[in-house]
Amino acid sequence: MKPRYVVITPVRDEVLYIEKTIEAVGRQTILPAEWIIVDDGSTDGTGELLDRRAGEHGWIKVVHRGNRGFRSAGGGVMEAFYAGYSQISDSNWDFIVKLDGDLSFAQDYFERCFDKFESEPQLGIGGGTVCQLEQGQLRVDSVGDPRFHVRGATKIYRRNCWDRISPLVQAPGWDTIDEVKANLHGWTTRTFDDLRLTQHKPTGGADGSWRNSFKNGRANYLTGYHPLFMLAKCAKRAFHKPLFLESIALIAGFCSGYFKGMPQVNDSDAIRYLRQQQVRRLLLRPSIYR
């Protein structure tokens, strides 16, 4: 039997890209049982476009949210995701997918992803490799991501794993702490190197390079990164161009969490496990990072 899956796509002002994603999903060899697209207060015509395209596919449902007046990184995405999650009508799904609205991919993308889940019974979270199109060539985005990490743009959760780790954190860093919890409870998580998706909007394009790196640094604080591991991460990225900019923004975002007294993820076991794995990585011992 073909696996049943539901897709949730939070979007905000994606009128230039969302049709590429609609076309990609619509030609899949295995179609979703439901696809819920959440218009998170768009003002560029995204909502109207979605309503029109949803009329062409009975398995697409559009949810409209009011405009909060600003883009809320991390937390806003998860609020929109759960607004869609509450609208799922098919309870017999095997997989749930969080998919961004600026991606395109091959027509057998989901079929091949599910084949990997079938062959790896302990695989809890997976997804393809996100790439950017540059001068006609696909370039892997975020080359330095650890192997256990699956980009938030394309996350596929196995039902049993989802039931163990949900609900997801509605804050920046949600797409790391979910994997940490999954690994803590005995599941594996990984990106599929041979399955590529094209992201048509640059990562963090709505925020700019500094704000995106600052946001990521704060997300690392919120998820409980070990300070020594964070320093090592910043040192490693110091020579990314423009020189030192990413590292300074990362450490500034990380330290801002301490200065503001922001609460970290309310899961001490997950934070303890993450820090143990990070110390093991610093000591060149086996960990989820390698």
Protein backbone atom coordinates (compact mmCIF):
# COMPACT_ATOMS: atom_id res chain seq x y z
CA MET A 1 0.00 0.00 0.00
CA LYS A 2 1.17 3.51 -0.76
CA PRO A 3 1.96 5.57 2.35
CA ARG A 4 -0.57 8.21 3.33
CA TYR A 5 0.85 11.61 4.09
CA VAL A 6 -0.38 15.09 4.86
CA VAL A 7 1.51 18.27 4.07
CA ILE A 8 1.36 21.58 5.93
CA THR A 9 2.85 24.66 4.29
CA PRO A 10 2.96 27.99 6.15
CA VAL A 11 3.46 30.88 3.72
CA ARG A 12 3.72 34.64 4.00
CA ASP A 13 4.13 36.83 0.91
CA GLU A 14 5.22 33.99 -1.38
CA VAL A 15 3.25 34.99 -4.48
CA LEU A 16 6.42 34.83 -6.62
CA TYR A 17 7.24 31.25 -5.60
CA ILE A 18 4.27 29.29 -4.31
CA GLU A 19 3.02 28.24 -7.74
CA LYS A 20 6.31 26.39 -8.32
CA THR A 21 5.62 24.39 -5.17
CA ILE A 22 2.00 23.76 -6.14
CA GLU A 23 3.13 22.43 -9.52
CA ALA A 24 5.77 20.21 -7.89
CA VAL A 25 3.34 18.67 -5.39
CA GLY A 26 0.60 18.31 -7.98
CA ARG A 27 2.72 16.08 -10.22
CA GLN A 28 4.00 13.74 -7.49
CA THR A 29 3.79 10.01 -8.19
CA ILE A 30 2.22 9.68 -4.73
CA LEU A 31 -0.15 12.55 -3.99
CA PRO A 32 -0.82 13.71 -0.43
CA ALA A 33 -4.05 12.76 1.28
CA GLU A 34 -4.30 16.42 2.30
CA TRP A 35 -2.27 19.54 1.74
CA ILE A 36 -3.07 22.42 4.07
CA ILE A 37 -1.52 25.73 3.03
CA VAL A 38 -1.65 28.42 5.70
CA ASP A 39 -1.61 31.99 4.43
CA ASP A 40 0.00 33.74 7.38
CA GLY A 41 -1.27 37.27 6.78
CA SER A 42 0.15 37.82 3.27
CA THR A 43 -0.33 41.22 1.65
CA ASP A 44 1.10 40.52 -1.82
CA GLY A 45 -1.77 38.50 -3.33
CA THR A 46 -0.61 35.11 -2.04
CA GLY A 47 -3.97 34.40 -0.40
CA GLU A 48 -5.97 35.11 -3.55
CA LEU A 49 -3.63 32.95 -5.64
CA LEU A 50 -3.98 30.07 -3.17
CA ASP A 51 -7.77 30.24 -3.20
CA ARG A 52 -7.76 30.07 -6.98
CA ARG A 53 -5.36 27.13 -7.17
CA ALA A 54 -7.08 25.23 -4.35
CA GLY A 55 -10.19 25.13 -6.50
CA GLU A 56 -8.24 22.97 -8.97
CA HIS A 57 -7.32 20.27 -6.42
CA GLY A 58 -9.74 18.72 -3.95
CA TRP A 59 -6.92 17.73 -1.61
CA ILE A 60 -5.69 21.32 -1.07
CA LYS A 61 -7.17 23.33 1.79
CA VAL A 62 -6.28 26.98 2.40
CA VAL A 63 -6.32 28.52 5.87
CA HIS A 64 -6.14 32.31 6.15
CA ARG A 65 -4.67 34.04 9.20
CA GLY A 66 -4.79 37.73 9.98
CA ASN A 67 -1.78 39.94 9.37
CA ARG A 68 0.14 40.47 12.62
CA GLY A 69 2.00 43.32 10.92
CA PHE A 70 5.46 41.77 10.99
CA ARG A 71 7.35 38.57 10.18
CA SER A 72 7.87 36.47 13.31
CA ALA A 73 10.90 34.24 12.74
CA GLY A 74 10.61 30.67 13.98
CA GLY A 75 7.69 31.16 16.33
CA GLY A 76 5.41 32.63 13.67
CA VAL A 77 6.11 29.74 11.33
CA MET A 78 5.15 27.23 14.00
CA GLU A 79 2.02 29.16 14.96
CA ALA A 80 0.96 29.00 11.32
CA PHE A 81 1.94 25.34 11.11
CA TYR A 82 -0.30 24.45 14.03
CA ALA A 83 -3.12 26.52 12.60
CA GLY A 84 -2.91 24.12 9.66
CA TYR A 85 -2.40 21.06 11.85
CA SER A 86 -5.69 21.76 13.61
CA GLN A 87 -7.46 21.52 10.25
CA ILE A 88 -6.32 17.99 9.35
CA SER A 89 -9.38 15.90 8.65
CA ASP A 90 -7.64 12.63 7.67
CA SER A 91 -6.39 10.98 10.87
CA ASN A 92 -5.02 7.87 9.15
CA TRP A 93 -1.79 9.39 7.88
CA ASP A 94 1.57 7.62 8.09
CA PHE A 95 3.73 10.72 7.62
CA ILE A 96 3.33 14.43 8.22
CA VAL A 97 5.35 16.91 6.17
CA LYS A 98 6.29 20.49 6.92
CA LEU A 99 7.07 22.00 3.51
CA ASP A 100 8.05 25.55 2.57
CA GLY A 101 6.27 27.42 -0.20
CA ASP A 102 9.31 28.33 -2.31
CA LEU A 103 10.53 24.88 -3.35
CA SER A 104 10.40 22.74 -6.45
CA PHE A 105 11.45 19.09 -6.79
CA ALA A 106 11.24 15.98 -8.96
CA GLN A 107 7.93 14.21 -9.45
CA ASP A 108 9.12 11.13 -7.55
CA TYR A 109 10.55 13.12 -4.62
CA PHE A 110 8.11 11.93 -1.97
CA GLU A 111 8.02 8.37 -3.32
CA ARG A 112 11.79 8.10 -3.01
CA CYS A 113 11.74 9.67 0.46
CA PHE A 114 9.20 7.10 1.64
CA ASP A 115 11.34 4.30 0.17
CA LYS A 116 14.13 5.40 2.50
CA PHE A 117 11.81 5.36 5.50
CA GLU A 118 10.69 1.87 4.46
CA SER A 119 14.27 0.62 4.35
CA GLU A 120 15.23 2.28 7.67
CA PRO A 121 12.65 1.37 10.33
CA GLN A 122 14.30 3.60 12.96
CA LEU A 123 14.37 6.68 10.74
CA GLY A 124 12.08 9.18 12.44
CA ILE A 125 12.71 12.44 10.56
CA GLY A 126 14.06 12.87 7.04
CA GLY A 127 14.07 15.18 4.07
CA GLY A 128 15.93 16.11 0.93
CA THR A 129 18.91 18.37 0.39
CA VAL A 130 17.95 22.03 -0.11
CA CYS A 131 19.81 23.69 -2.98
CA GLN A 132 20.02 27.13 -4.57
CA LEU A 133 20.12 27.64 -8.32
CA GLU A 134 23.20 29.67 -9.32
CA GLN A 135 24.12 30.27 -12.95
CA GLY A 136 22.12 27.25 -14.01
CA GLN A 137 23.78 24.93 -11.46
CA LEU A 138 22.39 23.60 -8.18
CA ARG A 139 24.49 24.52 -5.16
CA VAL A 140 23.84 22.85 -1.82
CA ASP A 141 22.65 25.39 0.72
CA SER A 142 24.15 25.32 4.25
CA VAL A 143 26.93 22.87 3.43
CA GLY A 144 28.12 22.81 7.04
CA ASP A 145 24.88 21.45 8.52
CA PRO A 146 25.43 18.37 10.74
CA ARG A 147 24.32 15.08 9.26
CA PHE A 148 21.48 14.59 11.76
CA HIS A 149 19.91 17.91 10.78
CA VAL A 150 17.00 18.11 8.33
CA ARG A 151 16.23 21.56 7.04
CA GLY A 152 13.01 23.08 8.33
CA ALA A 153 12.00 23.77 4.74
CA THR A 154 11.34 20.08 4.10
CA LYS A 155 10.74 17.86 7.11
CA ILE A 156 9.04 14.47 6.92
CA TYR A 157 8.03 12.92 10.26
CA ARG A 158 7.15 9.25 10.68
CA ARG A 159 3.88 8.91 12.60
CA ASN A 160 5.33 6.99 15.57
CA CYS A 161 8.18 9.46 15.92
CA TRP A 162 5.82 12.42 15.64
CA ASP A 163 3.61 11.03 18.39
CA ARG A 164 6.68 10.74 20.66
CA ILE A 165 8.19 14.22 20.14
CA SER A 166 5.22 16.47 19.45
CA PRO A 167 4.19 19.17 19.98
CA LEU A 168 6.99 21.05 18.28
CA VAL A 169 8.47 24.09 20.00
CA GLN A 170 6.84 27.31 18.79
CA ALA A 171 10.05 29.33 18.83
CA PRO A 172 13.28 29.73 16.84
CA GLY A 173 15.24 26.49 16.99
CA TRP A 174 12.16 24.28 16.62
CA ASP A 175 13.84 22.50 13.70
CA THR A 176 16.78 21.42 15.85
CA ILE A 177 15.13 20.48 19.12
CA ASP A 178 12.72 18.14 17.31
CA GLU A 179 15.68 16.15 15.98
CA VAL A 180 17.41 16.19 19.34
CA LYS A 181 14.29 14.77 21.00
CA ALA A 182 13.92 12.17 18.28
CA ASN A 183 17.51 10.98 18.71
CA LEU A 184 17.13 11.04 22.50
CA HIS A 185 14.20 8.63 22.17
CA GLY A 186 16.01 6.21 19.88
CA TRP A 187 15.10 7.48 16.41
CA THR A 188 17.55 8.53 13.73
CA THR A 189 17.27 11.72 11.70
CA ARG A 190 19.08 12.63 8.52
CA THR A 191 19.09 14.54 5.25
CA PHE A 192 18.94 12.52 2.04
CA ASP A 193 22.01 13.59 0.06
CA ASP A 194 20.78 12.15 -3.22
CA LEU A 195 17.33 13.82 -3.18
CA ARG A 196 17.56 17.50 -4.01
CA LEU A 197 15.07 20.33 -3.88
CA THR A 198 15.47 23.76 -5.42
CA GLN A 199 14.79 26.68 -3.11
CA HIS A 200 13.88 29.69 -5.20
CA LYS A 201 14.22 32.27 -2.43
CA PRO A 202 17.59 32.51 -0.63
CA THR A 203 17.65 31.18 2.92
CA GLY A 204 16.92 34.07 5.24
CA GLY A 205 16.21 36.24 2.23
CA ALA A 206 13.39 38.04 4.02
CA ASP A 207 15.73 39.01 6.90
CA GLY A 208 19.11 39.80 5.33
CA SER A 209 22.44 38.13 6.19
CA TRP A 210 23.08 39.82 9.54
CA ARG A 211 19.56 39.38 10.88
CA ASN A 212 19.40 35.80 9.67
CA SER A 213 22.67 34.86 11.42
CA PHE A 214 21.63 36.77 14.56
CA LYS A 215 18.34 34.88 14.52
CA ASN A 216 20.19 31.57 14.17
CA GLY A 217 22.48 32.45 17.08
CA ARG A 218 19.50 33.19 19.28
CA ALA A 219 17.88 29.93 18.16
CA ASN A 220 21.05 28.13 19.26
CA TYR A 221 20.70 29.74 22.69
CA LEU A 222 17.03 28.84 22.96
CA THR A 223 17.72 25.19 22.11
CA GLY A 224 20.42 25.00 24.81
CA TYR A 225 23.70 24.87 22.87
CA HIS A 226 26.80 24.35 25.00
CA PRO A 227 28.74 27.68 25.09
CA LEU A 228 32.03 25.99 24.14
CA PHE A 229 30.39 24.31 21.18
CA MET A 230 28.94 27.67 20.13
CA LEU A 231 32.39 29.28 20.27
CA ALA A 232 33.80 26.47 18.12
CA LYS A 233 30.96 26.93 15.64
CA CYS A 234 31.64 30.66 15.37
CA ALA A 235 35.37 30.10 14.95
CA LYS A 236 34.70 27.66 12.13
CA ARG A 237 32.51 30.17 10.31
CA ALA A 238 34.73 33.19 10.89
CA PHE A 239 36.22 32.97 7.40
CA HIS A 240 32.92 32.75 5.54
CA LYS A 241 32.56 35.80 3.33
CA PRO A 242 32.15 38.56 4.27
CA LEU A 243 34.84 37.76 6.83
CA PHE A 244 33.72 37.48 10.47
CA LEU A 245 30.23 38.88 9.79
CA GLU A 246 28.40 35.57 10.24
CA SER A 247 30.40 34.66 13.35
CA ILE A 248 29.83 38.01 15.02
CA ALA A 249 26.11 37.89 14.28
CA LEU A 250 25.86 34.32 15.57
CA ILE A 251 27.59 35.04 18.87
CA ALA A 252 25.65 38.29 19.28
CA GLY A 253 22.37 36.44 18.83
CA PHE A 254 23.49 33.68 21.19
CA CYS A 255 24.59 36.08 23.93
CA SER A 256 21.45 38.20 23.56
CA GLY A 257 19.48 35.31 25.01
CA TYR A 258 21.56 35.45 28.20
CA PHE A 259 21.43 39.25 28.41
CA LYS A 260 17.65 39.29 28.03
CA GLY A 261 17.15 36.35 30.38
CA MET A 262 15.14 34.50 27.75
CA PRO A 263 13.82 31.07 28.78
CA GLN A 264 15.32 28.14 26.93
CA VAL A 265 13.42 25.13 25.66
CA ASN A 266 11.38 23.66 28.49
CA ASP A 267 12.92 20.20 28.17
CA SER A 268 15.91 19.66 30.42
CA ASP A 269 16.46 16.09 29.17
CA ALA A 270 16.73 17.27 25.56
CA ILE A 271 19.14 20.08 26.45
CA ARG A 272 21.28 17.72 28.55
CA TYR A 273 21.40 15.21 25.71
CA LEU A 274 22.26 17.90 23.14
CA ARG A 275 25.10 19.25 25.25
CA GLN A 276 26.46 15.75 25.85
CA GLN A 277 26.52 15.15 22.10
CA GLN A 278 28.22 18.52 21.50
CA VAL A 279 30.94 17.80 24.07
CA ARG A 280 31.50 14.40 22.45
CA ARG A 281 31.87 16.17 19.09
CA LEU A 282 34.43 18.60 20.52
CA LEU A 283 36.37 15.61 21.89
CA LEU A 284 36.20 13.92 18.46
CA ARG A 285 34.13 11.07 19.89
CA PRO A 286 31.14 9.45 18.13
CA SER A 287 28.01 11.61 18.36
CA ILE A 288 24.91 12.56 16.41
CA TYR A 289 27.11 15.13 14.64
CA ARG A 290 29.12 12.46 12.79
